[in-house]
PDB file of N, CA and C in Angstrom:
ATOM      1  N   MET A   1      -0.202   2.657   7.728  1.00  0.00           N
ATOM      2  CA  MET A   1       0.735   3.076   6.715  1.00  0.00           C
ATOM      3  C   MET A   1      -0.011   4.071   6.176  1.00  0.00           C
ATOM      4  N   SER A   2       0.651   5.225   5.806  1.00  0.00           N
ATOM      5  CA  SER A   2       0.039   6.313   5.017  1.00  0.00           C
ATOM      6  C   SER A   2       0.007   6.082   3.708  1.00  0.00           C
ATOM      7  N   ARG A   3      -0.791   6.916   2.731  1.00  0.00           N
ATOM      8  CA  ARG A   3      -1.097   6.752   1.197  1.00  0.00           C
ATOM      9  C   ARG A   3       0.390   7.013   0.680  1.00  0.00           C
ATOM     10  N   LYS A   4       1.145   7.888   1.106  1.00  0.00           N
ATOM     11  CA  LYS A   4       2.340   8.201   0.517  1.00  0.00           C
ATOM     12  C   LYS A   4       3.302   6.975   0.638  1.00  0.00           C
ATOM     13  N   GLU A   5       3.291   6.501   1.921  1.00  0.00           N
ATOM     14  CA  GLU A   5       3.988   5.153   2.129  1.00  0.00           C
ATOM     15  C   GLU A   5       3.664   4.262   1.342  1.00  0.00           C
ATOM     16  N   ARG A   6       2.409   3.951   1.160  1.00  0.00           N
ATOM     17  CA  ARG A   6       2.097   2.692   0.263  1.00  0.00           C
ATOM     18  C   ARG A   6       2.557   3.063  -1.290  1.00  0.00           C
ATOM     19  N   LEU A   7       2.393   4.106  -1.864  1.00  0.00           N
ATOM     20  CA  LEU A   7       2.735   4.643  -3.110  1.00  0.00           C
ATOM     21  C   LEU A   7       4.262   4.351  -3.260  1.00  0.00           C
ATOM     22  N   VAL A   8       4.871   4.596  -2.309  1.00  0.00           N
ATOM     23  CA  VAL A   8       6.520   4.586  -2.524  1.00  0.00           C
ATOM     24  C   VAL A   8       6.804   2.884  -2.351  1.00  0.00           C
ATOM     25  N   MET A   9       6.119   2.417  -1.503  1.00  0.00           N
ATOM     26  CA  MET A   9       6.359   0.904  -1.491  1.00  0.00           C
ATOM     27  C   MET A   9       5.960   0.116  -2.779  1.00  0.00           C
ATOM     28  N   LYS A  10       4.911   0.519  -3.250  1.00  0.00           N
ATOM     29  CA  LYS A  10       4.585  -0.050  -4.581  1.00  0.00           C
ATOM     30  C   LYS A  10       5.591   0.262  -5.685  1.00  0.00           C
ATOM     31  N   TYR A  11       6.091   1.404  -5.515  1.00  0.00           N
ATOM     32  CA  TYR A  11       7.092   1.746  -6.663  1.00  0.00           C
ATOM     33  C   TYR A  11       8.318   1.005  -6.545  1.00  0.00           C
ATOM     34  N   LEU A  12       8.698   0.706  -5.394  1.00  0.00           N
ATOM     35  CA  LEU A  12       9.952   0.051  -4.777  1.00  0.00           C
ATOM     36  C   LEU A  12       9.661  -1.413  -5.432  1.00  0.00           C
ATOM     37  N   CYS A  13       8.558  -1.923  -5.204  1.00  0.00           N
ATOM     38  CA  CYS A  13       8.278  -3.310  -5.257  1.00  0.00           C
ATOM     39  C   CYS A  13       8.502  -3.586  -6.705  1.00  0.00           C
ATOM     40  N   LYS A  14       8.001  -2.585  -7.601  1.00  0.00           N
ATOM     41  CA  LYS A  14       7.830  -2.767  -9.077  1.00  0.00           C
ATOM     42  C   LYS A  14       9.502  -2.514  -9.511  1.00  0.00           C
ATOM     43  N   VAL A  15      10.179  -1.728  -8.994  1.00  0.00           N
ATOM     44  CA  VAL A  15      11.647  -1.380  -9.410  1.00  0.00           C
ATOM     45  C   VAL A  15      12.569  -2.438  -8.956  1.00  0.00           C
ATOM     46  N   CYS A  16      12.549  -2.911  -7.708  1.00  0.00           N
ATOM     47  CA  CYS A  16      13.489  -3.632  -7.031  1.00  0.00           C
ATOM     48  C   CYS A  16      13.271  -5.281  -7.299  1.00  0.00           C
ATOM     49  N   PRO A  17      14.425  -5.787  -7.901  1.00  0.00           N
ATOM     50  CA  PRO A  17      13.831  -7.192  -7.885  1.00  0.00           C
ATOM     51  C   PRO A  17      14.148  -7.861  -6.344  1.00  0.00           C
ATOM     52  N   LYS A  18      13.298  -8.964  -6.389  1.00  0.00           N
ATOM     53  CA  LYS A  18      13.371  -9.662  -5.120  1.00  0.00           C
ATOM     54  C   LYS A  18      14.438 -10.208  -4.611  1.00  0.00           C
ATOM     55  N   LYS A  19      14.773  -9.839  -3.284  1.00  0.00           N
ATOM     56  CA  LYS A  19      16.196 -10.373  -2.797  1.00  0.00           C
ATOM     57  C   LYS A  19      17.459  -9.736  -3.049  1.00  0.00           C
ATOM     58  N   ARG A  20      17.096  -8.921  -4.123  1.00  0.00           N
ATOM     59  CA  ARG A  20      18.409  -8.096  -4.686  1.00  0.00           C
ATOM     60  C   ARG A  20      18.271  -6.396  -4.272  1.00  0.00           C
ATOM     61  N   THR A  21      19.616  -5.955  -4.247  1.00  0.00           N
ATOM     62  CA  THR A  21      19.833  -4.677  -3.894  1.00  0.00           C
ATOM     63  C   THR A  21      19.760  -3.671  -4.949  1.00  0.00           C
ATOM     64  N   CYS A  22      18.873  -2.708  -5.160  1.00  0.00           N
ATOM     65  CA  CYS A  22      18.779  -1.752  -6.368  1.00  0.00           C
ATOM     66  C   CYS A  22      19.065  -0.417  -6.048  1.00  0.00           C
ATOM     67  N   LEU A  23      19.546   0.195  -6.848  1.00  0.00           N
ATOM     68  CA  LEU A  23      19.944   2.043  -6.676  1.00  0.00           C
ATOM     69  C   LEU A  23      18.920   2.691  -7.280  1.00  0.00           C
ATOM     70  N   VAL A  24      18.455   3.521  -6.385  1.00  0.00           N
ATOM     71  CA  VAL A  24      17.091   4.487  -6.895  1.00  0.00           C
ATOM     72  C   VAL A  24      17.421   5.760  -6.262  1.00  0.00           C
ATOM     73  N   SER A  25      17.484   6.723  -7.022  1.00  0.00           N
ATOM     74  CA  SER A  25      17.416   8.072  -6.801  1.00  0.00           C
ATOM     75  C   SER A  25      16.113   8.695  -6.347  1.00  0.00           C
ATOM     76  N   PRO A  26      16.164   9.615  -5.174  1.00  0.00           N
ATOM     77  CA  PRO A  26      14.885  10.222  -4.942  1.00  0.00           C
ATOM     78  C   PRO A  26      14.165  11.071  -6.166  1.00  0.00           C
ATOM     79  N   ALA A  27      14.914  11.337  -7.090  1.00  0.00           N
ATOM     80  CA  ALA A  27      14.268  12.004  -8.148  1.00  0.00           C
ATOM     81  C   ALA A  27      13.510  11.129  -8.958  1.00  0.00           C
ATOM     82  N   GLU A  28      13.838   9.814  -9.173  1.00  0.00           N
ATOM     83  CA  GLU A  28      13.218   8.858  -9.916  1.00  0.00           C
ATOM     84  C   GLU A  28      11.838   8.574  -8.856  1.00  0.00           C
ATOM     85  N   ILE A  29      11.918   8.375  -7.698  1.00  0.00           N
ATOM     86  CA  ILE A  29      10.610   8.101  -6.957  1.00  0.00           C
ATOM     87  C   ILE A  29       9.653   9.211  -7.005  1.00  0.00           C
ATOM     88  N   ALA A  30      10.178  10.630  -6.980  1.00  0.00           N
ATOM     89  CA  ALA A  30       9.287  11.685  -6.757  1.00  0.00           C
ATOM     90  C   ALA A  30       8.725  12.007  -8.291  1.00  0.00           C
ATOM     91  N   SER A  31       9.527  11.632  -9.382  1.00  0.00           N
ATOM     92  CA  SER A  31       8.737  11.793 -10.623  1.00  0.00           C
ATOM     93  C   SER A  31       7.721  10.687 -10.915  1.00  0.00           C
ATOM     94  N   ALA A  32       7.975   9.535 -10.344  1.00  0.00           N
ATOM     95  CA  ALA A  32       7.115   8.330 -10.430  1.00  0.00           C
ATOM     96  C   ALA A  32       5.748   8.540  -9.774  1.00  0.00           C
ATOM     97  N   LEU A  33       5.972   9.383  -8.756  1.00  0.00           N
ATOM     98  CA  LEU A  33       4.696   9.732  -7.681  1.00  0.00           C
ATOM     99  C   LEU A  33       4.113  11.186  -8.268  1.00  0.00           C
ATOM    100  N   SER A  34       4.968  11.837  -9.041  1.00  0.00           N
ATOM    101  CA  SER A  34       4.485  13.328  -9.134  1.00  0.00           C
ATOM    102  C   SER A  34       3.064  13.371  -9.810  1.00  0.00           C
ATOM    103  N   LYS A  35       2.393  12.530 -10.396  1.00  0.00           N
ATOM    104  CA  LYS A  35       1.238  12.627 -10.639  1.00  0.00           C
ATOM    105  C   LYS A  35      -0.031  12.691  -9.374  1.00  0.00           C
ATOM    106  N   LYS A  36       0.322  12.113  -8.339  1.00  0.00           N
ATOM    107  CA  LYS A  36      -0.464  12.286  -7.233  1.00  0.00           C
ATOM    108  C   LYS A  36       0.030  12.928  -5.913  1.00  0.00           C
ATOM    109  N   PHE A  37       1.357  12.979  -5.982  1.00  0.00           N
ATOM    110  CA  PHE A  37       1.748  13.924  -4.975  1.00  0.00           C
ATOM    111  C   PHE A  37       3.168  14.499  -5.215  1.00  0.00           C
ATOM    112  N   VAL A  38       3.386  15.637  -4.665  1.00  0.00           N
ATOM    113  CA  VAL A  38       4.727  16.155  -4.678  1.00  0.00           C
ATOM    114  C   VAL A  38       5.847  16.085  -3.315  1.00  0.00           C
ATOM    115  N   LEU A  39       6.704  15.144  -3.452  1.00  0.00           N
ATOM    116  CA  LEU A  39       7.570  14.781  -2.557  1.00  0.00           C
ATOM    117  C   LEU A  39       8.998  15.475  -2.310  1.00  0.00           C
ATOM    118  N   SER A  40       9.179  15.942  -1.284  1.00  0.00           N
ATOM    119  CA  SER A  40      10.656  16.738  -1.140  1.00  0.00           C
ATOM    120  C   SER A  40      11.482  15.631  -0.688  1.00  0.00           C
ATOM    121  N   VAL A  41      12.837  15.931  -1.003  1.00  0.00           N
ATOM    122  CA  VAL A  41      14.026  14.910  -0.432  1.00  0.00           C
ATOM    123  C   VAL A  41      13.767  14.495   0.934  1.00  0.00           C
ATOM    124  N   ALA A  42      13.492  15.652   1.861  1.00  0.00           N
ATOM    125  CA  ALA A  42      13.595  15.526   3.013  1.00  0.00           C
ATOM    126  C   ALA A  42      12.286  14.411   3.795  1.00  0.00           C
ATOM    127  N   GLU A  43      11.052  14.836   3.070  1.00  0.00           N
ATOM    128  CA  GLU A  43       9.838  14.025   3.004  1.00  0.00           C
ATOM    129  C   GLU A  43      10.267  12.449   2.683  1.00  0.00           C
ATOM    130  N   LEU A  44      10.865  12.195   1.595  1.00  0.00           N
ATOM    131  CA  LEU A  44      10.970  11.166   1.074  1.00  0.00           C
ATOM    132  C   LEU A  44      12.126  10.319   2.003  1.00  0.00           C
ATOM    133  N   ASP A  45      13.174  10.952   2.679  1.00  0.00           N
ATOM    134  CA  ASP A  45      13.948  10.489   3.678  1.00  0.00           C
ATOM    135  C   ASP A  45      13.070   9.883   4.703  1.00  0.00           C
ATOM    136  N   GLN A  46      12.121  10.718   5.110  1.00  0.00           N
ATOM    137  CA  GLN A  46      11.413  10.218   6.291  1.00  0.00           C
ATOM    138  C   GLN A  46      10.545   8.960   6.066  1.00  0.00           C
ATOM    139  N   ILE A  47       9.939   8.908   4.675  1.00  0.00           N
ATOM    140  CA  ILE A  47       9.110   7.765   4.299  1.00  0.00           C
ATOM    141  C   ILE A  47      10.105   6.722   4.382  1.00  0.00           C
ATOM    142  N   MET A  48      11.062   6.773   3.656  1.00  0.00           N
ATOM    143  CA  MET A  48      12.149   5.613   3.625  1.00  0.00           C
ATOM    144  C   MET A  48      12.539   5.050   5.136  1.00  0.00           C
ATOM    145  N   SER A  49      12.816   6.052   5.853  1.00  0.00           N
ATOM    146  CA  SER A  49      13.290   5.379   7.194  1.00  0.00           C
ATOM    147  C   SER A  49      12.106   4.832   8.030  1.00  0.00           C
ATOM    148  N   GLN A  50      10.906   5.361   7.774  1.00  0.00           N
ATOM    149  CA  GLN A  50       9.716   5.077   8.296  1.00  0.00           C
ATOM    150  C   GLN A  50       9.421   3.253   7.704  1.00  0.00           C
ATOM    151  N   LEU A  51       9.636   3.134   6.627  1.00  0.00           N
ATOM    152  CA  LEU A  51       9.374   1.728   5.809  1.00  0.00           C
ATOM    153  C   LEU A  51      10.334   0.956   6.226  1.00  0.00           C
ATOM    154  N   SER A  52      11.776   1.374   6.496  1.00  0.00           N
ATOM    155  CA  SER A  52      12.669   0.703   7.261  1.00  0.00           C
ATOM    156  C   SER A  52      12.561   0.215   8.516  1.00  0.00           C
ATOM    157  N   ASP A  53      11.686   1.182   9.308  1.00  0.00           N
ATOM    158  CA  ASP A  53      11.510   0.915  10.784  1.00  0.00           C
ATOM    159  C   ASP A  53      10.277  -0.151  10.908  1.00  0.00           C
ATOM    160  N   GLU A  54       9.527  -0.133   9.995  1.00  0.00           N
ATOM    161  CA  GLU A  54       8.279  -0.961   9.981  1.00  0.00           C
ATOM    162  C   GLU A  54       8.717  -2.308   9.033  1.00  0.00           C
ATOM    163  N   ASN A  55      10.206  -2.710   9.034  1.00  0.00           N
ATOM    164  CA  ASN A  55      10.491  -3.720   8.556  1.00  0.00           C
ATOM    165  C   ASN A  55      10.334  -4.468   6.941  1.00  0.00           C
ATOM    166  N   TYR A  56       9.972  -3.084   6.109  1.00  0.00           N
ATOM    167  CA  TYR A  56       9.593  -3.352   4.768  1.00  0.00           C
ATOM    168  C   TYR A  56      10.871  -3.391   3.998  1.00  0.00           C
ATOM    169  N   ILE A  57      11.804  -2.657   4.336  1.00  0.00           N
ATOM    170  CA  ILE A  57      13.203  -2.502   3.446  1.00  0.00           C
ATOM    171  C   ILE A  57      14.218  -2.228   4.335  1.00  0.00           C
ATOM    172  N   ASP A  58      15.324  -2.545   3.616  1.00  0.00           N
ATOM    173  CA  ASP A  58      16.657  -2.051   4.094  1.00  0.00           C
ATOM    174  C   ASP A  58      17.177  -1.121   3.106  1.00  0.00           C
ATOM    175  N   PHE A  59      17.692   0.132   3.722  1.00  0.00           N
ATOM    176  CA  PHE A  59      18.153   1.088   2.858  1.00  0.00           C
ATOM    177  C   PHE A  59      19.300   1.919   3.405  1.00  0.00           C
ATOM    178  N   VAL A  60      20.164   2.301   2.389  1.00  0.00           N
ATOM    179  CA  VAL A  60      21.213   2.970   2.800  1.00  0.00           C
ATOM    180  C   VAL A  60      21.411   4.008   1.819  1.00  0.00           C
ATOM    181  N   VAL A  61      21.819   5.301   2.321  1.00  0.00           N
ATOM    182  CA  VAL A  61      21.914   6.656   1.529  1.00  0.00           C
ATOM    183  C   VAL A  61      23.226   6.586   1.087  1.00  0.00           C
ATOM    184  N   SER A  62      23.288   6.866  -0.363  1.00  0.00           N
ATOM    185  CA  SER A  62      24.726   6.767  -1.023  1.00  0.00           C
ATOM    186  C   SER A  62      24.853   7.990  -1.754  1.00  0.00           C
ATOM    187  N   GLU A  63      25.855   8.891  -1.602  1.00  0.00           N
ATOM    188  CA  GLU A  63      26.174   9.987  -2.257  1.00  0.00           C
ATOM    189  C   GLU A  63      27.389   9.701  -3.274  1.00  0.00           C
ATOM    190  N   SER A  64      27.217  10.316  -4.488  1.00  0.00           N
ATOM    191  CA  SER A  64      28.183   9.975  -5.709  1.00  0.00           C
ATOM    192  C   SER A  64      28.176  11.256  -6.371  1.00  0.00           C
ATOM    193  N   LYS A  65      29.215  11.231  -7.409  1.00  0.00           N
ATOM    194  CA  LYS A  65      29.268  12.315  -8.175  1.00  0.00           C
ATOM    195  C   LYS A  65      27.963  12.674  -8.924  1.00  0.00           C
ATOM    196  N   MET A  66      27.234  11.557  -9.347  1.00  0.00           N
ATOM    197  CA  MET A  66      26.177  11.775 -10.036  1.00  0.00           C
ATOM    198  C   MET A  66      24.804  12.163  -9.248  1.00  0.00           C
ATOM    199  N   GLY A  67      25.047  11.975  -7.805  1.00  0.00           N
ATOM    200  CA  GLY A  67      23.914  12.761  -6.807  1.00  0.00           C
ATOM    201  C   GLY A  67      23.686  11.773  -5.789  1.00  0.00           C
ATOM    202  N   TYR A  68      22.594  11.834  -5.308  1.00  0.00           N
ATOM    203  CA  TYR A  68      22.092  11.232  -4.181  1.00  0.00           C
ATOM    204  C   TYR A  68      21.187   9.964  -4.360  1.00  0.00           C
ATOM    205  N   TYR A  69      21.590   8.805  -3.941  1.00  0.00           N
ATOM    206  CA  TYR A  69      20.870   7.547  -4.347  1.00  0.00           C
ATOM    207  C   TYR A  69      20.554   6.588  -2.909  1.00  0.00           C
ATOM    208  N   TYR A  70      19.508   5.842  -2.983  1.00  0.00           N
ATOM    209  CA  TYR A  70      19.005   5.073  -1.892  1.00  0.00           C
ATOM    210  C   TYR A  70      19.683   3.568  -2.649  1.00  0.00           C
ATOM    211  N   CYS A  71      20.186   2.665  -1.669  1.00  0.00           N
ATOM    212  CA  CYS A  71      20.744   1.536  -2.023  1.00  0.00           C
ATOM    213  C   CYS A  71      19.450   0.684  -1.257  1.00  0.00           C
ATOM    214  N   VAL A  72      18.466   0.144  -1.967  1.00  0.00           N
ATOM    215  CA  VAL A  72      17.418  -0.585  -1.335  1.00  0.00           C
ATOM    216  C   VAL A  72      17.346  -2.229  -1.746  1.00  0.00           C
ATOM    217  N   THR A  73      16.917  -2.829  -0.490  1.00  0.00           N
ATOM    218  CA  THR A  73      16.828  -4.179  -0.561  1.00  0.00           C
ATOM    219  C   THR A  73      15.281  -4.421   0.117  1.00  0.00           C
ATOM    220  N   LEU A  74      14.519  -5.249  -0.586  1.00  0.00           N
ATOM    221  CA  LEU A  74      13.367  -5.443   0.054  1.00  0.00           C
ATOM    222  C   LEU A  74      13.401  -6.495   0.970  1.00  0.00           C
ATOM    223  N   LYS A  75      12.973  -6.571   2.299  1.00  0.00           N
ATOM    224  CA  LYS A  75      12.861  -7.565   3.183  1.00  0.00           C
ATOM    225  C   LYS A  75      11.654  -8.599   2.786  1.00  0.00           C
ATOM    226  N   LYS A  76      11.440  -9.484   3.772  1.00  0.00           N
ATOM    227  CA  LYS A  76      10.321 -10.384   3.507  1.00  0.00           C
ATOM    228  C   LYS A  76       9.089  -9.817   3.380  1.00  0.00           C
ATOM    229  N   LYS A  77       8.741  -8.844   4.522  1.00  0.00           N
ATOM    230  CA  LYS A  77       7.681  -8.294   4.440  1.00  0.00           C
ATOM    231  C   LYS A  77       7.350  -7.138   3.230  1.00  0.00           C
ATOM    232  N   GLY A  78       8.304  -6.751   2.778  1.00  0.00           N
ATOM    233  CA  GLY A  78       8.292  -5.916   1.363  1.00  0.00           C
ATOM    234  C   GLY A  78       7.999  -6.798   0.305  1.00  0.00           C
ATOM    235  N   ILE A  79       8.464  -7.959   0.204  1.00  0.00           N
ATOM    236  CA  ILE A  79       8.359  -8.852  -0.947  1.00  0.00           C
ATOM    237  C   ILE A  79       6.906  -9.107  -0.970  1.00  0.00           C
ATOM    238  N   SER A  80       6.403  -9.482   0.207  1.00  0.00           N
ATOM    239  CA  SER A  80       4.831  -9.800   0.292  1.00  0.00           C
ATOM    240  C   SER A  80       3.858  -8.773   0.163  1.00  0.00           C
ATOM    241  N   PHE A  81       4.520  -7.342  -0.029  1.00  0.00           N
ATOM    242  CA  PHE A  81       3.532  -6.300   0.082  1.00  0.00           C
ATOM    243  C   PHE A  81       2.327  -6.129  -0.899  1.00  0.00           C
ATOM    244  N   GLU A  82       2.638  -6.565  -2.111  1.00  0.00           N
ATOM    245  CA  GLU A  82       1.677  -6.205  -2.991  1.00  0.00           C
ATOM    246  C   GLU A  82       0.491  -7.377  -2.979  1.00  0.00           C
ATOM    247  N   GLN A  83       1.062  -8.526  -2.660  1.00  0.00           N
ATOM    248  CA  GLN A  83       0.091  -9.595  -2.239  1.00  0.00           C
ATOM    249  C   GLN A  83      -0.974  -9.381  -1.008  1.00  0.00           C
ATOM    250  N   ASP A  84      -0.261  -8.870  -0.169  1.00  0.00           N
ATOM    251  CA  ASP A  84      -0.990  -8.470   1.043  1.00  0.00           C
ATOM    252  C   ASP A  84      -1.864  -7.217   0.789  1.00  0.00           C
ATOM    253  N   CYS A  85      -1.747  -6.565  -0.239  1.00  0.00           N
ATOM    254  CA  CYS A  85      -2.457  -5.271  -0.658  1.00  0.00           C
ATOM    255  C   CYS A  85      -3.871  -6.007  -1.442  1.00  0.00           C
ATOM    256  N   LYS A  86      -3.571  -6.916  -2.204  1.00  0.00           N
ATOM    257  CA  LYS A  86      -4.450  -7.532  -3.132  1.00  0.00           C
ATOM    258  C   LYS A  86      -5.459  -8.382  -1.892  1.00  0.00           C
ATOM    259  N   ARG A  87      -4.933  -9.059  -1.180  1.00  0.00           N
ATOM    260  CA  ARG A  87      -5.500  -9.783  -0.205  1.00  0.00           C
ATOM    261  C   ARG A  87      -6.445  -8.663   0.706  1.00  0.00           C
ATOM    262  N   GLN A  88      -6.010  -7.813   1.077  1.00  0.00           N
ATOM    263  CA  GLN A  88      -6.793  -6.695   1.985  1.00  0.00           C
ATOM    264  C   GLN A  88      -7.954  -6.179   1.127  1.00  0.00           C
ATOM    265  N   LYS A  89      -7.940  -5.976  -0.037  1.00  0.00           N
ATOM    266  CA  LYS A  89      -8.763  -5.568  -0.997  1.00  0.00           C
ATOM    267  C   LYS A  89     -10.014  -6.613  -1.258  1.00  0.00           C
ATOM    268  N   LYS A  90      -9.531  -7.775  -1.338  1.00  0.00           N
ATOM    269  CA  LYS A  90     -10.534  -8.875  -1.454  1.00  0.00           C
ATOM    270  C   LYS A  90     -11.416  -9.114  -0.249  1.00  0.00           C
ATOM    271  N   THR A  91     -10.703  -8.902   0.904  1.00  0.00           N
ATOM    272  CA  THR A  91     -11.135  -9.251   2.252  1.00  0.00           C
ATOM    273  C   THR A  91     -12.343  -8.143   2.454  1.00  0.00           C
ATOM    274  N   PHE A  92     -11.999  -6.913   1.871  1.00  0.00           N
ATOM    275  CA  PHE A  92     -12.899  -5.818   2.139  1.00  0.00           C
ATOM    276  C   PHE A  92     -14.172  -5.978   1.154  1.00  0.00           C
ATOM    277  N   GLY A  93     -13.877  -6.213   0.072  1.00  0.00           N
ATOM    278  CA  GLY A  93     -14.982  -6.624  -0.935  1.00  0.00           C
ATOM    279  C   GLY A  93     -15.586  -7.591  -0.544  1.00  0.00           C
ATOM    280  N   LEU A  94     -15.290  -8.766   0.076  1.00  0.00           N
ATOM    281  CA  LEU A  94     -16.232  -9.570   0.498  1.00  0.00           C
ATOM    282  C   LEU A  94     -16.973  -9.525   1.973  1.00  0.00           C
ATOM    283  N   LEU A  95     -16.548  -8.618   2.649  1.00  0.00           N
ATOM    284  CA  LEU A  95     -16.993  -8.173   3.839  1.00  0.00           C
ATOM    285  C   LEU A  95     -18.302  -7.083   3.328  1.00  0.00           C
ATOM    286  N   LEU A  96     -18.134  -6.173   2.410  1.00  0.00           N
ATOM    287  CA  LEU A  96     -19.145  -5.319   1.923  1.00  0.00           C
ATOM    288  C   LEU A  96     -20.078  -6.242   1.274  1.00  0.00           C
ATOM    289  N   LEU A  97     -19.824  -7.107   0.385  1.00  0.00           N
ATOM    290  CA  LEU A  97     -20.883  -8.126  -0.247  1.00  0.00           C
ATOM    291  C   LEU A  97     -21.739  -8.803   0.816  1.00  0.00           C
ATOM    292  N   ARG A  98     -21.211  -9.316   1.858  1.00  0.00           N
ATOM    293  CA  ARG A  98     -21.692  -9.882   2.998  1.00  0.00           C
ATOM    294  C   ARG A  98     -22.799  -9.107   3.744  1.00  0.00           C
ATOM    295  N   SER A  99     -22.202  -7.829   3.984  1.00  0.00           N
ATOM    296  CA  SER A  99     -23.128  -6.631   4.681  1.00  0.00           C
ATOM    297  C   SER A  99     -24.366  -6.562   3.776  1.00  0.00           C
ATOM    298  N   LEU A 100     -24.161  -6.117   2.425  1.00  0.00           N
ATOM    299  CA  LEU A 100     -25.224  -5.845   1.503  1.00  0.00           C
ATOM    300  C   LEU A 100     -26.263  -7.291   1.631  1.00  0.00           C
ATOM    301  N   PHE A 101     -25.805  -8.424   1.465  1.00  0.00           N
ATOM    302  CA  PHE A 101     -26.465  -9.486   1.445  1.00  0.00           C
ATOM    303  C   PHE A 101     -27.462  -9.472   2.845  1.00  0.00           C
ATOM    304  N   LEU A 102     -26.781  -9.400   3.899  1.00  0.00           N
ATOM    305  CA  LEU A 102     -27.546  -9.507   5.059  1.00  0.00           C
ATOM    306  C   LEU A 102     -28.563  -8.306   5.310  1.00  0.00           C
ATOM    307  N   ALA A 103     -28.325  -7.295   4.778  1.00  0.00           N
ATOM    308  CA  ALA A 103     -29.133  -6.097   5.017  1.00  0.00           C
ATOM    309  C   ALA A 103     -30.199  -6.478   4.075  1.00  0.00           C
ATOM    310  N   THR A 104     -30.017  -7.003   3.024  1.00  0.00           N
ATOM    311  CA  THR A 104     -31.277  -7.253   1.956  1.00  0.00           C
ATOM    312  C   THR A 104     -32.124  -8.423   2.774  1.00  0.00           C
ATOM    313  N   VAL A 105     -31.439  -9.601   3.085  1.00  0.00           N
ATOM    314  CA  VAL A 105     -32.258 -10.633   3.858  1.00  0.00           C
ATOM    315  C   VAL A 105     -33.078  -9.957   5.205  1.00  0.00           C
ATOM    316  N   SER A 106     -32.427  -9.064   5.720  1.00  0.00           N
ATOM    317  CA  SER A 106     -33.124  -8.428   6.976  1.00  0.00           C
ATOM    318  C   SER A 106     -34.338  -7.392   6.407  1.00  0.00           C
ATOM    319  N   PHE A 107     -34.146  -6.839   5.442  1.00  0.00           N
ATOM    320  CA  PHE A 107     -35.192  -6.091   4.802  1.00  0.00           C
ATOM    321  C   PHE A 107     -36.445  -6.848   4.434  1.00  0.00           C
ATOM    322  N   ILE A 108     -36.193  -7.988   3.555  1.00  0.00           N
ATOM    323  CA  ILE A 108     -36.938  -8.889   3.215  1.00  0.00           C
ATOM    324  C   ILE A 108     -37.826  -9.668   4.397  1.00  0.00           C
ATOM    325  N   PHE A 109     -37.009 -10.007   5.472  1.00  0.00           N
ATOM    326  CA  PHE A 109     -37.673 -10.755   6.405  1.00  0.00           C
ATOM    327  C   PHE A 109     -38.446  -9.858   7.299  1.00  0.00           C
ATOM    328  N   GLY A 110     -38.180  -8.498   7.287  1.00  0.00           N
ATOM    329  CA  GLY A 110     -39.122  -7.375   8.070  1.00  0.00           C
ATOM    330  C   GLY A 110     -40.290  -7.166   6.995  1.00  0.00           C
ATOM    331  N   LEU A 111     -40.097  -7.412   5.972  1.00  0.00           N
ATOM    332  CA  LEU A 111     -41.524  -7.161   5.148  1.00  0.00           C
ATOM    333  C   LEU A 111     -42.452  -8.367   5.389  1.00  0.00           C
ATOM    334  N   VAL A 112     -41.867  -9.610   5.262  1.00  0.00           N
ATOM    335  CA  VAL A 112     -42.817 -10.788   5.491  1.00  0.00           C
ATOM    336  C   VAL A 112     -43.182 -10.845   6.842  1.00  0.00           C
ATOM    337  N   LEU A 113     -42.542 -10.302   7.876  1.00  0.00           N
ATOM    338  CA  LEU A 113     -43.118 -10.461   9.174  1.00  0.00           C
ATOM    339  C   LEU A 113     -44.153  -9.321   9.215  1.00  0.00           C
ATOM    340  N   LYS A 114     -44.214  -8.122   8.519  1.00  0.00           N
ATOM    341  CA  LYS A 114     -45.103  -7.126   8.678  1.00  0.00           C
ATOM    342  C   LYS A 114     -46.291  -7.622   8.048  1.00  0.00           C
ATOM    343  N   THR A 115     -46.049  -8.366   6.788  1.00  0.00           N
ATOM    344  CA  THR A 115     -47.395  -8.767   6.091  1.00  0.00           C
ATOM    345  C   THR A 115     -48.085  -9.882   6.980  1.00  0.00           C
ATOM    346  N   ILE A 116     -47.315 -10.846   7.642  1.00  0.00           N
ATOM    347  CA  ILE A 116     -47.994 -11.819   8.452  1.00  0.00           C
ATOM    348  C   ILE A 116     -48.832 -11.130   9.586  1.00  0.00           C
ATOM    349  N   PHE A 117     -48.131 -10.288  10.347  1.00  0.00           N
ATOM    350  CA  PHE A 117     -48.852  -9.615  11.624  1.00  0.00           C
ATOM    351  C   PHE A 117     -49.854  -8.490  11.238  1.00  0.00           C
ATOM    352  N   LYS A 118     -50.034  -8.236  10.072  1.00  0.00           N
ATOM    353  CA  LYS A 118     -50.784  -6.897   9.660  1.00  0.00           C
ATOM    354  C   LYS A 118     -52.341  -7.483   9.569  1.00  0.00           C
ATOM    355  N   GLY A 119     -52.248  -8.760   8.851  1.00  0.00           N
ATOM    356  CA  GLY A 119     -53.645  -9.307   8.330  1.00  0.00           C
ATOM    357  C   GLY A 119     -54.007 -10.381   9.293  1.00  0.00           C
TER     358      GLY A 119
END
């Protein structure tokens, strides 16, 4: 999943209630992500269809007098998206700490062996 897809998915998780359909315009999504990226409607359509293909959301494009909208419903995988992101960050942090600990222990063990066999 690309960074843009993750940001769009985070926005949709924040806006859409669980198991309910919400109406979101591409302009709302683009303005919410405008601090990090500039998204065109075509690029946003591609991201939405990619998220739908990956089984995160169901969406239908709807046109009305007021403009172009997405009718979005989060699927089970989409609802658990934020928890999965937190779990991945936690796992990565623990992996990093374990690696640092093992590197430190290895270094100290090397120093001890060096002093034992030097004298």
